[in-house]
Amino acid sequence: MYNTRNSFLLMRTRTFVSEEAKEMLIRHISMEQHAGNLYLNIASYFDSKSLKNTYKFFYQQHKEKIDAAEKIYRYLLTAGVRVKPIGVAATELDQESTLPIVDQYAQTERNLTDDLRKICDKLLDDSDHTSFNYILKVVGHQLIEEDEGETIKKNYHIAPSEILADHQVPDLFPHIFKEDDDDDDDDKQGDNYGL
């Protein structure tokens, strides 16, 4: 629904997003897309090993990264920023064994968090409080994902077997393993970071 408060905020956003902040946000979209593609490859790896719970976890992570990229993209469009498509490099798994793959996942989540922190610092330096408040919501989700990265990494490092580690995944991440009829709850709630 279009209202005057939103249009006022959007006009202010168009005025205050600096060129450097725009470039940082556009680069972050590419990072999110790259992570999403990487997690789809990781999901496929676990599916090929018949580790279905871990497959489902990484497939959900893939969807979350693509969704995060889209939300930042839509925010920039709303802010009047013309976003040119960015090529996303092909993603390769570091190795064909489980531990390096979960380590790569955890490191990717840390890299995304660090990049968002730099973006927040830049937005504060620019006194762009509208964009900062929006990106801060993205940071909140990212911190949860970084914690999930460390959790699954620890799970696979301490479990005596991949099969046991896979069986523990639903207990570690119950929000991903809800009943199928709950899968669309986020869409129904309109979790779109305020846009």
N, C-alpha and C. Protein backbone atom coordinates (compact mmCIF):
# COMPACT_ATOMS: atom_id res chain seq x y z
N MET A 1 0.85 -1.16 0.00
CA MET A 1 0.00 0.00 0.00
C MET A 1 0.90 1.23 0.00
N TYR A 2 0.60 2.16 -0.87
CA TYR A 2 1.39 3.38 -1.00
C TYR A 2 0.84 4.43 -0.06
N ASN A 3 1.68 5.03 0.74
CA ASN A 3 1.21 6.11 1.61
C ASN A 3 2.24 7.22 1.66
N THR A 4 1.85 8.36 2.20
CA THR A 4 2.74 9.52 2.19
C THR A 4 3.97 9.32 3.05
N ARG A 5 3.83 8.59 4.16
CA ARG A 5 5.00 8.35 5.02
C ARG A 5 6.06 7.57 4.25
N ASN A 6 5.64 6.49 3.55
CA ASN A 6 6.60 5.72 2.77
C ASN A 6 7.21 6.54 1.65
N SER A 7 6.40 7.36 0.97
CA SER A 7 6.95 8.15 -0.12
C SER A 7 7.95 9.18 0.40
N PHE A 8 7.69 9.75 1.59
CA PHE A 8 8.63 10.68 2.19
C PHE A 8 9.96 9.98 2.50
N LEU A 9 9.87 8.78 3.10
CA LEU A 9 11.08 8.03 3.41
C LEU A 9 11.85 7.68 2.15
N LEU A 10 11.13 7.31 1.10
CA LEU A 10 11.80 6.96 -0.15
C LEU A 10 12.49 8.16 -0.77
N MET A 11 11.84 9.34 -0.72
CA MET A 11 12.48 10.54 -1.26
C MET A 11 13.75 10.85 -0.48
N ARG A 12 13.68 10.70 0.85
CA ARG A 12 14.87 10.94 1.67
C ARG A 12 15.96 9.93 1.32
N THR A 13 15.59 8.68 1.11
CA THR A 13 16.57 7.66 0.77
C THR A 13 17.24 7.99 -0.55
N ARG A 14 16.47 8.40 -1.52
CA ARG A 14 17.05 8.74 -2.82
C ARG A 14 18.07 9.86 -2.69
N THR A 15 17.85 10.73 -1.75
CA THR A 15 18.74 11.87 -1.56
C THR A 15 20.04 11.49 -0.88
N PHE A 16 20.00 10.52 0.04
CA PHE A 16 21.14 10.31 0.92
C PHE A 16 22.01 9.10 0.63
N VAL A 17 21.66 8.19 -0.25
CA VAL A 17 22.51 7.03 -0.50
C VAL A 17 23.71 7.49 -1.34
N SER A 18 24.89 7.42 -0.74
CA SER A 18 26.10 7.88 -1.45
C SER A 18 26.49 6.88 -2.53
N GLU A 19 27.30 7.33 -3.45
CA GLU A 19 27.77 6.46 -4.53
C GLU A 19 28.57 5.28 -3.98
N GLU A 20 29.42 5.56 -3.01
CA GLU A 20 30.23 4.47 -2.43
C GLU A 20 29.34 3.44 -1.73
N ALA A 21 28.33 3.92 -0.98
CA ALA A 21 27.41 3.00 -0.31
C ALA A 21 26.62 2.19 -1.33
N LYS A 22 26.19 2.83 -2.42
CA LYS A 22 25.47 2.11 -3.48
C LYS A 22 26.33 0.99 -4.04
N GLU A 23 27.59 1.30 -4.33
CA GLU A 23 28.49 0.28 -4.88
C GLU A 23 28.72 -0.86 -3.89
N MET A 24 28.83 -0.52 -2.61
CA MET A 24 29.01 -1.56 -1.60
C MET A 24 27.78 -2.46 -1.52
N LEU A 25 26.59 -1.87 -1.58
CA LEU A 25 25.36 -2.65 -1.53
C LEU A 25 25.20 -3.51 -2.77
N ILE A 26 25.54 -2.97 -3.92
CA ILE A 26 25.46 -3.75 -5.16
C ILE A 26 26.44 -4.92 -5.11
N ARG A 27 27.65 -4.68 -4.61
CA ARG A 27 28.62 -5.77 -4.46
C ARG A 27 28.11 -6.82 -3.49
N HIS A 28 27.42 -6.37 -2.43
CA HIS A 28 26.90 -7.33 -1.46
C HIS A 28 25.80 -8.20 -2.09
N ILE A 29 25.01 -7.65 -2.97
CA ILE A 29 24.01 -8.45 -3.68
C ILE A 29 24.71 -9.60 -4.40
N SER A 30 25.81 -9.29 -5.05
CA SER A 30 26.58 -10.32 -5.76
C SER A 30 27.11 -11.37 -4.80
N MET A 31 27.58 -10.94 -3.63
CA MET A 31 28.09 -11.88 -2.63
C MET A 31 26.97 -12.82 -2.16
N GLU A 32 25.77 -12.26 -1.93
CA GLU A 32 24.64 -13.08 -1.51
C GLU A 32 24.27 -14.10 -2.59
N GLN A 33 24.26 -13.65 -3.85
CA GLN A 33 23.94 -14.56 -4.95
C GLN A 33 24.98 -15.66 -5.06
N HIS A 34 26.24 -15.30 -4.92
CA HIS A 34 27.32 -16.29 -4.98
C HIS A 34 27.15 -17.31 -3.86
N ALA A 35 26.86 -16.83 -2.65
CA ALA A 35 26.65 -17.74 -1.52
C ALA A 35 25.46 -18.65 -1.79
N GLY A 36 24.39 -18.09 -2.35
CA GLY A 36 23.22 -18.90 -2.67
C GLY A 36 23.56 -20.02 -3.65
N ASN A 37 24.35 -19.70 -4.66
CA ASN A 37 24.77 -20.73 -5.63
C ASN A 37 25.68 -21.77 -4.97
N LEU A 38 26.58 -21.31 -4.12
CA LEU A 38 27.46 -22.23 -3.40
C LEU A 38 26.63 -23.19 -2.55
N TYR A 39 25.64 -22.66 -1.84
CA TYR A 39 24.83 -23.50 -0.96
C TYR A 39 23.96 -24.47 -1.74
N LEU A 40 23.57 -24.12 -2.95
CA LEU A 40 22.85 -25.06 -3.80
C LEU A 40 23.78 -26.21 -4.20
N ASN A 41 25.04 -25.89 -4.50
CA ASN A 41 26.02 -26.94 -4.79
C ASN A 41 26.26 -27.82 -3.57
N ILE A 42 26.34 -27.21 -2.40
CA ILE A 42 26.54 -27.98 -1.17
C ILE A 42 25.32 -28.88 -0.92
N ALA A 43 24.13 -28.34 -1.12
CA ALA A 43 22.91 -29.14 -0.95
C ALA A 43 22.94 -30.35 -1.88
N SER A 44 23.34 -30.13 -3.11
CA SER A 44 23.43 -31.22 -4.08
C SER A 44 24.43 -32.28 -3.62
N TYR A 45 25.55 -31.83 -3.07
CA TYR A 45 26.57 -32.76 -2.56
C TYR A 45 25.96 -33.66 -1.48
N PHE A 46 25.25 -33.06 -0.51
CA PHE A 46 24.67 -33.85 0.57
C PHE A 46 23.53 -34.74 0.07
N ASP A 47 22.79 -34.27 -0.93
CA ASP A 47 21.74 -35.09 -1.53
C ASP A 47 22.35 -36.33 -2.19
N SER A 48 23.48 -36.14 -2.87
CA SER A 48 24.14 -37.28 -3.53
C SER A 48 24.66 -38.31 -2.53
N LYS A 49 24.90 -37.86 -1.28
CA LYS A 49 25.35 -38.78 -0.23
C LYS A 49 24.18 -39.32 0.59
N SER A 50 22.96 -38.99 0.16
CA SER A 50 21.72 -39.40 0.85
C SER A 50 21.66 -38.88 2.28
N LEU A 51 22.23 -37.73 2.52
CA LEU A 51 22.15 -37.06 3.83
C LEU A 51 21.05 -36.00 3.70
N LYS A 52 19.81 -36.46 3.76
CA LYS A 52 18.65 -35.65 3.40
C LYS A 52 18.41 -34.46 4.32
N ASN A 53 18.68 -34.61 5.59
CA ASN A 53 18.46 -33.48 6.51
C ASN A 53 19.45 -32.35 6.23
N THR A 54 20.69 -32.71 6.01
CA THR A 54 21.69 -31.69 5.71
C THR A 54 21.41 -31.08 4.34
N TYR A 55 20.95 -31.91 3.41
CA TYR A 55 20.52 -31.37 2.11
C TYR A 55 19.45 -30.30 2.32
N LYS A 56 18.43 -30.62 3.09
CA LYS A 56 17.33 -29.67 3.31
C LYS A 56 17.83 -28.39 3.96
N PHE A 57 18.74 -28.54 4.92
CA PHE A 57 19.31 -27.35 5.58
C PHE A 57 19.99 -26.45 4.57
N PHE A 58 20.86 -27.02 3.73
CA PHE A 58 21.60 -26.18 2.78
C PHE A 58 20.72 -25.66 1.66
N TYR A 59 19.70 -26.41 1.29
CA TYR A 59 18.77 -25.90 0.28
C TYR A 59 18.02 -24.69 0.84
N GLN A 60 17.65 -24.74 2.12
CA GLN A 60 17.00 -23.59 2.75
C GLN A 60 17.96 -22.41 2.82
N GLN A 61 19.23 -22.67 3.11
CA GLN A 61 20.22 -21.58 3.14
C GLN A 61 20.35 -20.93 1.75
N HIS A 62 20.32 -21.76 0.71
CA HIS A 62 20.35 -21.26 -0.66
C HIS A 62 19.19 -20.29 -0.89
N LYS A 63 17.98 -20.70 -0.51
CA LYS A 63 16.81 -19.86 -0.73
C LYS A 63 16.91 -18.55 0.07
N GLU A 64 17.45 -18.63 1.29
CA GLU A 64 17.58 -17.42 2.11
C GLU A 64 18.57 -16.42 1.50
N LYS A 65 19.66 -16.92 0.94
CA LYS A 65 20.64 -16.01 0.33
C LYS A 65 20.07 -15.34 -0.92
N ILE A 66 19.37 -16.10 -1.74
CA ILE A 66 18.77 -15.51 -2.93
C ILE A 66 17.71 -14.48 -2.52
N ASP A 67 16.96 -14.79 -1.47
CA ASP A 67 15.94 -13.86 -0.96
C ASP A 67 16.60 -12.59 -0.41
N ALA A 68 17.70 -12.74 0.32
CA ALA A 68 18.40 -11.56 0.86
C ALA A 68 18.90 -10.67 -0.27
N ALA A 69 19.46 -11.27 -1.32
CA ALA A 69 19.93 -10.49 -2.46
C ALA A 69 18.77 -9.73 -3.09
N GLU A 70 17.65 -10.38 -3.23
CA GLU A 70 16.48 -9.73 -3.84
C GLU A 70 15.98 -8.58 -2.98
N LYS A 71 15.98 -8.75 -1.66
CA LYS A 71 15.49 -7.70 -0.78
C LYS A 71 16.38 -6.45 -0.85
N ILE A 72 17.68 -6.65 -0.88
CA ILE A 72 18.58 -5.49 -1.00
C ILE A 72 18.42 -4.86 -2.37
N TYR A 73 18.27 -5.69 -3.40
CA TYR A 73 18.04 -5.19 -4.76
C TYR A 73 16.77 -4.33 -4.80
N ARG A 74 15.67 -4.84 -4.24
CA ARG A 74 14.42 -4.08 -4.23
C ARG A 74 14.56 -2.79 -3.42
N TYR A 75 15.31 -2.85 -2.32
CA TYR A 75 15.52 -1.63 -1.53
C TYR A 75 16.24 -0.58 -2.38
N LEU A 76 17.27 -0.99 -3.08
CA LEU A 76 18.00 -0.03 -3.90
C LEU A 76 17.12 0.54 -5.01
N LEU A 77 16.31 -0.29 -5.63
CA LEU A 77 15.38 0.21 -6.66
C LEU A 77 14.42 1.22 -6.06
N THR A 78 13.92 0.92 -4.87
CA THR A 78 13.00 1.82 -4.19
C THR A 78 13.69 3.12 -3.83
N ALA A 79 14.98 3.04 -3.57
CA ALA A 79 15.76 4.22 -3.22
C ALA A 79 16.18 5.02 -4.45
N GLY A 80 15.76 4.56 -5.63
CA GLY A 80 16.09 5.30 -6.84
C GLY A 80 17.43 4.94 -7.44
N VAL A 81 18.03 3.85 -6.99
CA VAL A 81 19.33 3.41 -7.50
C VAL A 81 19.10 2.48 -8.68
N ARG A 82 19.73 2.77 -9.77
CA ARG A 82 19.65 1.89 -10.92
C ARG A 82 20.70 0.81 -10.75
N VAL A 83 20.24 -0.41 -10.61
CA VAL A 83 21.13 -1.54 -10.33
C VAL A 83 21.35 -2.30 -11.62
N LYS A 84 22.59 -2.31 -12.07
CA LYS A 84 22.94 -3.08 -13.25
C LYS A 84 23.20 -4.52 -12.83
N PRO A 85 22.78 -5.48 -13.67
CA PRO A 85 23.05 -6.88 -13.32
C PRO A 85 24.53 -7.13 -13.11
N ILE A 86 24.82 -7.94 -12.12
CA ILE A 86 26.20 -8.28 -11.78
C ILE A 86 26.41 -9.75 -12.11
N GLY A 87 27.47 -10.05 -12.78
CA GLY A 87 27.77 -11.45 -13.05
C GLY A 87 28.19 -12.14 -11.76
N VAL A 88 27.69 -13.34 -11.59
CA VAL A 88 28.03 -14.12 -10.41
C VAL A 88 28.95 -15.25 -10.86
N ALA A 89 30.11 -15.30 -10.26
CA ALA A 89 31.09 -16.32 -10.63
C ALA A 89 30.56 -17.72 -10.32
N ALA A 90 31.00 -18.66 -11.09
CA ALA A 90 30.63 -20.05 -10.83
C ALA A 90 31.15 -20.45 -9.46
N THR A 91 30.41 -21.30 -8.80
CA THR A 91 30.81 -21.72 -7.46
C THR A 91 31.32 -23.16 -7.53
N GLU A 92 32.39 -23.37 -6.83
CA GLU A 92 32.98 -24.71 -6.74
C GLU A 92 33.16 -25.04 -5.27
N LEU A 93 32.95 -26.28 -4.96
CA LEU A 93 33.22 -26.72 -3.61
C LEU A 93 34.72 -26.93 -3.46
N ASP A 94 35.24 -26.58 -2.28
CA ASP A 94 36.67 -26.70 -2.04
C ASP A 94 37.15 -28.14 -2.21
N GLN A 95 36.40 -29.07 -1.69
CA GLN A 95 36.82 -30.47 -1.74
C GLN A 95 35.58 -31.35 -1.80
N GLU A 96 35.80 -32.58 -2.04
CA GLU A 96 34.69 -33.53 -2.09
C GLU A 96 34.59 -34.34 -0.80
N SER A 97 34.85 -33.71 0.32
CA SER A 97 34.62 -34.36 1.60
C SER A 97 33.87 -33.37 2.50
N THR A 98 33.20 -33.88 3.47
CA THR A 98 32.23 -33.10 4.24
C THR A 98 32.85 -31.99 5.09
N LEU A 99 33.90 -32.25 5.82
CA LEU A 99 34.42 -31.24 6.75
C LEU A 99 34.88 -29.96 6.06
N PRO A 100 35.65 -30.03 4.97
CA PRO A 100 36.00 -28.78 4.30
C PRO A 100 34.78 -28.02 3.75
N ILE A 101 33.74 -28.75 3.38
CA ILE A 101 32.55 -28.10 2.84
C ILE A 101 31.82 -27.33 3.94
N VAL A 102 31.63 -27.93 5.11
CA VAL A 102 30.96 -27.19 6.18
C VAL A 102 31.84 -26.05 6.69
N ASP A 103 33.16 -26.22 6.64
CA ASP A 103 34.07 -25.13 6.99
C ASP A 103 33.92 -23.97 6.00
N GLN A 104 33.80 -24.30 4.70
CA GLN A 104 33.63 -23.27 3.67
C GLN A 104 32.31 -22.52 3.89
N TYR A 105 31.28 -23.24 4.26
CA TYR A 105 29.98 -22.62 4.54
C TYR A 105 30.11 -21.62 5.70
N ALA A 106 30.71 -22.04 6.80
CA ALA A 106 30.85 -21.17 7.96
C ALA A 106 31.68 -19.93 7.62
N GLN A 107 32.75 -20.11 6.83
CA GLN A 107 33.58 -18.96 6.44
C GLN A 107 32.81 -18.00 5.53
N THR A 108 32.00 -18.53 4.64
CA THR A 108 31.20 -17.67 3.76
C THR A 108 30.24 -16.82 4.58
N GLU A 109 29.62 -17.41 5.59
CA GLU A 109 28.70 -16.65 6.45
C GLU A 109 29.45 -15.56 7.21
N ARG A 110 30.65 -15.86 7.69
CA ARG A 110 31.45 -14.83 8.37
C ARG A 110 31.80 -13.70 7.41
N ASN A 111 32.15 -14.04 6.17
CA ASN A 111 32.48 -13.01 5.17
C ASN A 111 31.28 -12.11 4.88
N LEU A 112 30.10 -12.70 4.78
CA LEU A 112 28.90 -11.89 4.53
C LEU A 112 28.62 -10.95 5.69
N THR A 113 28.78 -11.44 6.91
CA THR A 113 28.57 -10.61 8.09
C THR A 113 29.57 -9.45 8.11
N ASP A 114 30.84 -9.75 7.85
CA ASP A 114 31.86 -8.69 7.83
C ASP A 114 31.55 -7.63 6.78
N ASP A 115 31.09 -8.07 5.61
CA ASP A 115 30.75 -7.11 4.55
C ASP A 115 29.58 -6.22 4.97
N LEU A 116 28.58 -6.81 5.60
CA LEU A 116 27.45 -6.00 6.07
C LEU A 116 27.87 -5.01 7.14
N ARG A 117 28.81 -5.40 7.99
CA ARG A 117 29.32 -4.45 9.00
C ARG A 117 29.99 -3.25 8.34
N LYS A 118 30.77 -3.50 7.30
CA LYS A 118 31.41 -2.40 6.57
C LYS A 118 30.38 -1.49 5.92
N ILE A 119 29.34 -2.09 5.38
CA ILE A 119 28.27 -1.30 4.76
C ILE A 119 27.59 -0.44 5.82
N CYS A 120 27.29 -1.01 6.97
CA CYS A 120 26.68 -0.24 8.05
C CYS A 120 27.56 0.91 8.49
N ASP A 121 28.86 0.66 8.63
CA ASP A 121 29.79 1.73 8.99
C ASP A 121 29.75 2.86 7.97
N LYS A 122 29.73 2.50 6.69
CA LYS A 122 29.70 3.51 5.62
C LYS A 122 28.40 4.30 5.68
N LEU A 123 27.29 3.61 5.87
CA LEU A 123 26.00 4.30 5.93
C LEU A 123 25.94 5.26 7.11
N LEU A 124 26.52 4.87 8.25
CA LEU A 124 26.57 5.77 9.40
C LEU A 124 27.49 6.95 9.13
N ASP A 125 28.65 6.68 8.49
CA ASP A 125 29.55 7.78 8.13
C ASP A 125 28.86 8.79 7.21
N ASP A 126 27.98 8.28 6.34
CA ASP A 126 27.23 9.14 5.41
C ASP A 126 25.99 9.76 6.05
N SER A 127 25.72 9.43 7.31
CA SER A 127 24.50 9.86 8.01
C SER A 127 23.24 9.42 7.25
N ASP A 128 23.32 8.27 6.59
CA ASP A 128 22.18 7.70 5.86
C ASP A 128 21.45 6.75 6.80
N HIS A 129 20.67 7.32 7.70
CA HIS A 129 20.01 6.55 8.74
C HIS A 129 18.87 5.69 8.20
N THR A 130 18.24 6.12 7.13
CA THR A 130 17.16 5.33 6.53
C THR A 130 17.71 4.02 5.99
N SER A 131 18.78 4.10 5.19
CA SER A 131 19.38 2.88 4.65
C SER A 131 20.00 2.04 5.76
N PHE A 132 20.63 2.71 6.72
CA PHE A 132 21.24 1.98 7.84
C PHE A 132 20.19 1.15 8.58
N ASN A 133 19.04 1.75 8.89
CA ASN A 133 18.00 1.02 9.61
C ASN A 133 17.49 -0.17 8.80
N TYR A 134 17.39 -0.01 7.51
CA TYR A 134 16.95 -1.12 6.67
C TYR A 134 18.00 -2.25 6.67
N ILE A 135 19.26 -1.89 6.44
CA ILE A 135 20.33 -2.89 6.38
C ILE A 135 20.54 -3.53 7.74
N LEU A 136 20.27 -2.81 8.81
CA LEU A 136 20.39 -3.39 10.15
C LEU A 136 19.47 -4.58 10.32
N LYS A 137 18.30 -4.57 9.69
CA LYS A 137 17.39 -5.73 9.73
C LYS A 137 18.02 -6.90 8.99
N VAL A 138 18.69 -6.62 7.89
CA VAL A 138 19.39 -7.68 7.15
C VAL A 138 20.51 -8.25 8.02
N VAL A 139 21.21 -7.38 8.74
CA VAL A 139 22.29 -7.82 9.62
C VAL A 139 21.74 -8.76 10.69
N GLY A 140 20.59 -8.45 11.24
CA GLY A 140 19.99 -9.32 12.26
C GLY A 140 19.79 -10.73 11.74
N HIS A 141 19.28 -10.85 10.54
CA HIS A 141 19.11 -12.18 9.93
C HIS A 141 20.47 -12.82 9.66
N GLN A 142 21.43 -12.03 9.20
CA GLN A 142 22.74 -12.56 8.87
C GLN A 142 23.46 -13.09 10.10
N LEU A 143 23.31 -12.42 11.24
CA LEU A 143 23.95 -12.90 12.47
C LEU A 143 23.42 -14.27 12.86
N ILE A 144 22.13 -14.48 12.65
CA ILE A 144 21.54 -15.80 12.92
C ILE A 144 22.15 -16.83 11.98
N GLU A 145 22.29 -16.47 10.70
CA GLU A 145 22.85 -17.40 9.73
C GLU A 145 24.32 -17.70 10.01
N GLU A 146 25.06 -16.70 10.48
CA GLU A 146 26.45 -16.95 10.85
C GLU A 146 26.52 -17.93 12.02
N ASP A 147 25.64 -17.76 12.99
CA ASP A 147 25.59 -18.68 14.12
C ASP A 147 25.22 -20.09 13.65
N GLU A 148 24.28 -20.20 12.71
CA GLU A 148 23.92 -21.51 12.16
C GLU A 148 25.11 -22.15 11.46
N GLY A 149 25.92 -21.33 10.80
CA GLY A 149 27.12 -21.85 10.13
C GLY A 149 28.08 -22.47 11.12
N GLU A 150 28.29 -21.80 12.24
CA GLU A 150 29.19 -22.33 13.26
C GLU A 150 28.59 -23.59 13.90
N THR A 151 27.27 -23.60 14.06
CA THR A 151 26.61 -24.76 14.68
C THR A 151 26.75 -26.01 13.81
N ILE A 152 26.45 -25.87 12.53
CA ILE A 152 26.53 -27.06 11.67
C ILE A 152 27.99 -27.50 11.49
N LYS A 153 28.90 -26.55 11.48
CA LYS A 153 30.32 -26.89 11.39
C LYS A 153 30.73 -27.72 12.61
N LYS A 154 30.37 -27.26 13.80
CA LYS A 154 30.70 -28.00 15.02
C LYS A 154 30.03 -29.37 15.02
N ASN A 155 28.78 -29.43 14.58
CA ASN A 155 28.05 -30.69 14.53
C ASN A 155 28.79 -31.72 13.68
N TYR A 156 29.25 -31.32 12.52
CA TYR A 156 29.93 -32.27 11.65
C TYR A 156 31.35 -32.58 12.13
N HIS A 157 31.98 -31.66 12.84
CA HIS A 157 33.33 -31.92 13.35
C HIS A 157 33.32 -32.86 14.56
N ILE A 158 32.27 -32.82 15.38
CA ILE A 158 32.28 -33.66 16.59
C ILE A 158 31.51 -34.96 16.42
N ALA A 159 30.64 -35.05 15.43
CA ALA A 159 29.86 -36.29 15.25
C ALA A 159 30.78 -37.42 14.79
N PRO A 160 30.57 -38.63 15.30
CA PRO A 160 31.42 -39.75 14.91
C PRO A 160 31.21 -40.22 13.47
N SER A 161 30.08 -39.82 12.85
CA SER A 161 29.86 -40.21 11.46
C SER A 161 28.98 -39.17 10.78
N GLU A 162 29.04 -39.14 9.44
CA GLU A 162 28.21 -38.22 8.67
C GLU A 162 26.73 -38.54 8.87
N ILE A 163 26.40 -39.81 8.96
CA ILE A 163 25.00 -40.21 9.12
C ILE A 163 24.45 -39.70 10.46
N LEU A 164 25.23 -39.85 11.53
CA LEU A 164 24.79 -39.35 12.83
C LEU A 164 24.67 -37.82 12.79
N ALA A 165 25.63 -37.15 12.20
CA ALA A 165 25.58 -35.69 12.08
C ALA A 165 24.32 -35.27 11.33
N ASP A 166 23.99 -35.98 10.25
CA ASP A 166 22.80 -35.67 9.46
C ASP A 166 21.53 -35.84 10.29
N HIS A 167 21.47 -36.87 11.11
CA HIS A 167 20.29 -37.11 11.94
C HIS A 167 20.12 -36.04 13.02
N GLN A 168 21.19 -35.36 13.39
CA GLN A 168 21.11 -34.32 14.42
C GLN A 168 20.65 -32.97 13.86
N VAL A 169 20.72 -32.79 12.55
CA VAL A 169 20.40 -31.49 11.95
C VAL A 169 18.99 -31.01 12.28
N PRO A 170 17.93 -31.84 12.18
CA PRO A 170 16.59 -31.33 12.52
C PRO A 170 16.47 -30.83 13.96
N ASP A 171 17.19 -31.45 14.89
CA ASP A 171 17.16 -30.99 16.28
C ASP A 171 17.89 -29.66 16.45
N LEU A 172 18.93 -29.44 15.65
CA LEU A 172 19.70 -28.21 15.74
C LEU A 172 18.97 -27.03 15.10
N PHE A 173 18.17 -27.31 14.05
CA PHE A 173 17.51 -26.25 13.29
C PHE A 173 16.03 -26.57 13.09
N PRO A 174 15.26 -26.63 14.19
CA PRO A 174 13.85 -27.04 14.05
C PRO A 174 13.03 -26.10 13.18
N HIS A 175 13.43 -24.82 13.08
CA HIS A 175 12.67 -23.88 12.25
C HIS A 175 12.71 -24.25 10.76
N ILE A 176 13.71 -24.99 10.34
CA ILE A 176 13.81 -25.42 8.95
C ILE A 176 12.98 -26.68 8.72
N PHE A 177 12.77 -27.45 9.76
CA PHE A 177 12.12 -28.74 9.62
C PHE A 177 10.69 -28.74 10.17
N LYS A 178 10.02 -27.60 10.08
CA LYS A 178 8.61 -27.52 10.47
C LYS A 178 7.77 -28.34 9.51
N GLU A 179 6.52 -28.53 9.87
CA GLU A 179 5.59 -29.22 8.98
C GLU A 179 5.53 -28.47 7.65
N ASP A 180 5.29 -29.20 6.57
CA ASP A 180 5.23 -28.61 5.23
C ASP A 180 4.20 -27.50 5.11
N ASP A 181 3.10 -27.58 5.85
CA ASP A 181 2.08 -26.54 5.74
C ASP A 181 2.54 -25.23 6.37
N ASP A 182 3.64 -25.23 7.14
CA ASP A 182 4.17 -24.01 7.73
C ASP A 182 5.19 -23.33 6.82
N ASP A 183 5.55 -23.95 5.69
CA ASP A 183 6.61 -23.42 4.83
C ASP A 183 6.32 -22.04 4.29
N ASP A 184 5.07 -21.68 4.11
CA ASP A 184 4.73 -20.40 3.52
C ASP A 184 4.44 -19.32 4.56
N ASP A 185 4.69 -19.60 5.84
CA ASP A 185 4.38 -18.63 6.89
C ASP A 185 5.10 -17.31 6.70
N ASP A 186 6.36 -17.34 6.26
CA ASP A 186 7.09 -16.09 6.06
C ASP A 186 6.40 -15.23 5.02
N ASP A 187 5.93 -15.85 3.93
CA ASP A 187 5.25 -15.09 2.89
C ASP A 187 3.96 -14.49 3.43
N LYS A 188 3.23 -15.27 4.23
CA LYS A 188 1.96 -14.78 4.77
C LYS A 188 2.18 -13.63 5.73
N GLN A 189 3.29 -13.66 6.46
CA GLN A 189 3.56 -12.61 7.43
C GLN A 189 4.13 -11.36 6.77
N GLY A 190 4.51 -11.45 5.52
CA GLY A 190 5.03 -10.29 4.82
C GLY A 190 6.39 -9.86 5.29
N ASP A 191 7.25 -10.80 5.63
CA ASP A 191 8.59 -10.47 6.11
C ASP A 191 9.42 -9.95 4.94
N ASN A 192 9.28 -8.66 4.68
CA ASN A 192 9.98 -8.07 3.54
C ASN A 192 10.83 -6.89 3.96
N TYR A 193 11.26 -6.88 5.21
CA TYR A 193 12.12 -5.83 5.74
C TYR A 193 11.49 -4.45 5.58
N GLY A 194 10.17 -4.39 5.63
CA GLY A 194 9.50 -3.09 5.60
C GLY A 194 9.20 -2.54 4.24
N LEU A 195 9.43 -3.30 3.17
CA LEU A 195 9.11 -2.79 1.83
C LEU A 195 7.83 -3.39 1.34
